[in-house]
Amino acid sequence: TMRQNKQQHQNMLDHFRRRMGFTAAHVGRLLGQQDSSAVSDYERGEHTPSLVNALRLGIILRVPVEFLFPALYDGLRNEIRAEEERLAAPEQQTLL
């Protein structure tokens, strides 16, 4: 759904950036960007960083990547756990 999608794009980048006392421009420079536009896009959830940039953000902000994107992480975990249960169900039925 649209709301769920919006929620998954919410992140904690600005929270952890401010906690470190960093400007978006400073984080951008550490990511190798010329300005803060990419960081601002990430913070607003308009773009999802590449795996490399997500790892860089975790290093810069000194937190695990899943802390930066908790809604996305939780959504993916819930999908995978549900699929694991679905895949395990036929096996359990054949054991009965």
Protein backbone atom coordinates (compact mmCIF):
# COMPACT_ATOMS: atom_id res chain seq x y z
CA THR A 1 0.00 0.00 0.00
CA MET A 2 1.00 3.62 -0.40
CA ARG A 3 1.10 4.26 3.36
CA GLN A 4 3.21 1.18 3.99
CA ASN A 5 5.55 2.23 1.18
CA LYS A 6 5.85 5.73 2.66
CA GLN A 7 6.50 4.22 6.08
CA GLN A 8 9.25 1.97 4.72
CA HIS A 9 10.97 5.03 3.28
CA GLN A 10 11.04 6.75 6.66
CA ASN A 11 14.46 6.49 8.21
CA MET A 12 16.55 7.67 11.13
CA LEU A 13 19.36 9.29 9.12
CA ASP A 14 18.61 12.85 10.25
CA HIS A 15 18.25 11.71 13.88
CA PHE A 16 21.66 10.01 13.96
CA ARG A 17 23.28 12.78 11.88
CA ARG A 18 22.11 15.42 14.37
CA ARG A 19 23.18 13.22 17.26
CA MET A 20 26.70 13.28 15.83
CA GLY A 21 26.47 17.05 15.33
CA PHE A 22 27.06 16.71 11.58
CA THR A 23 25.54 18.85 8.83
CA ALA A 24 24.08 17.15 5.77
CA ALA A 25 26.90 18.78 3.77
CA HIS A 26 29.52 17.23 6.07
CA VAL A 27 27.98 13.77 5.66
CA GLY A 28 27.78 14.37 1.90
CA ARG A 29 31.48 15.20 1.75
CA LEU A 30 32.33 12.03 3.69
CA LEU A 31 30.22 10.08 1.16
CA GLY A 32 32.28 11.67 -1.64
CA GLN A 33 29.47 14.00 -2.79
CA GLN A 34 29.96 17.64 -3.75
CA ASP A 35 27.03 18.87 -1.66
CA SER A 36 24.23 17.80 0.68
CA SER A 37 21.59 17.03 -1.99
CA ALA A 38 22.07 13.22 -1.99
CA VAL A 39 22.04 13.11 1.82
CA SER A 40 18.89 15.25 1.92
CA ASP A 41 17.24 12.93 -0.64
CA TYR A 42 18.15 9.92 1.53
CA GLU A 43 16.84 11.61 4.68
CA ARG A 44 13.52 12.49 3.00
CA GLY A 45 13.23 8.92 1.73
CA GLU A 46 13.19 10.07 -1.90
CA HIS A 47 16.13 7.80 -2.72
CA THR A 48 17.50 4.69 -1.07
CA PRO A 49 21.29 4.64 -0.89
CA SER A 50 23.28 1.93 -2.65
CA LEU A 51 24.59 -0.84 -0.43
CA VAL A 52 28.02 0.82 -0.46
CA ASN A 53 26.59 4.21 0.57
CA ALA A 54 24.34 2.62 3.20
CA LEU A 55 27.42 0.96 4.71
CA ARG A 56 29.29 4.27 4.49
CA LEU A 57 26.42 6.02 6.30
CA GLY A 58 26.58 3.42 9.07
CA ILE A 59 30.32 4.03 9.42
CA ILE A 60 29.95 7.84 9.33
CA LEU A 61 27.07 7.90 11.82
CA ARG A 62 28.55 5.06 13.90
CA VAL A 63 25.47 2.84 13.99
CA PRO A 64 24.49 -0.45 12.31
CA VAL A 65 22.79 0.10 8.94
CA GLU A 66 19.54 -1.48 10.17
CA PHE A 67 19.32 1.26 12.84
CA LEU A 68 19.33 3.86 10.03
CA PHE A 69 16.47 2.15 8.14
CA PRO A 70 14.38 0.44 10.84
CA ALA A 71 11.04 0.45 8.96
CA LEU A 72 12.61 -1.05 5.84
CA TYR A 73 14.53 -3.59 7.94
CA ASP A 74 11.44 -4.63 9.93
CA GLY A 75 9.35 -4.91 6.76
CA LEU A 76 11.94 -7.11 5.04
CA ARG A 77 12.39 -9.26 8.16
CA ASN A 78 8.63 -9.78 8.50
CA GLU A 79 8.34 -10.77 4.81
CA ILE A 80 11.19 -13.27 5.13
CA ARG A 81 9.92 -14.78 8.42
CA ALA A 82 6.45 -15.21 6.87
CA GLU A 83 7.97 -16.89 3.80
CA GLU A 84 10.06 -19.16 6.03
CA GLU A 85 6.90 -20.22 7.86
CA ARG A 86 5.08 -20.76 4.56
CA LEU A 87 7.92 -22.90 3.22
CA ALA A 88 8.10 -24.93 6.44
CA ALA A 89 4.33 -25.59 6.57
CA PRO A 90 4.14 -28.30 3.82
CA GLU A 91 6.99 -30.22 5.48
CA GLN A 92 5.16 -30.21 8.80
CA GLN A 93 1.99 -31.48 7.12
CA THR A 94 3.79 -34.43 5.51
CA LEU A 95 5.18 -35.41 8.93
CA LEU A 96 1.66 -35.72 10.41
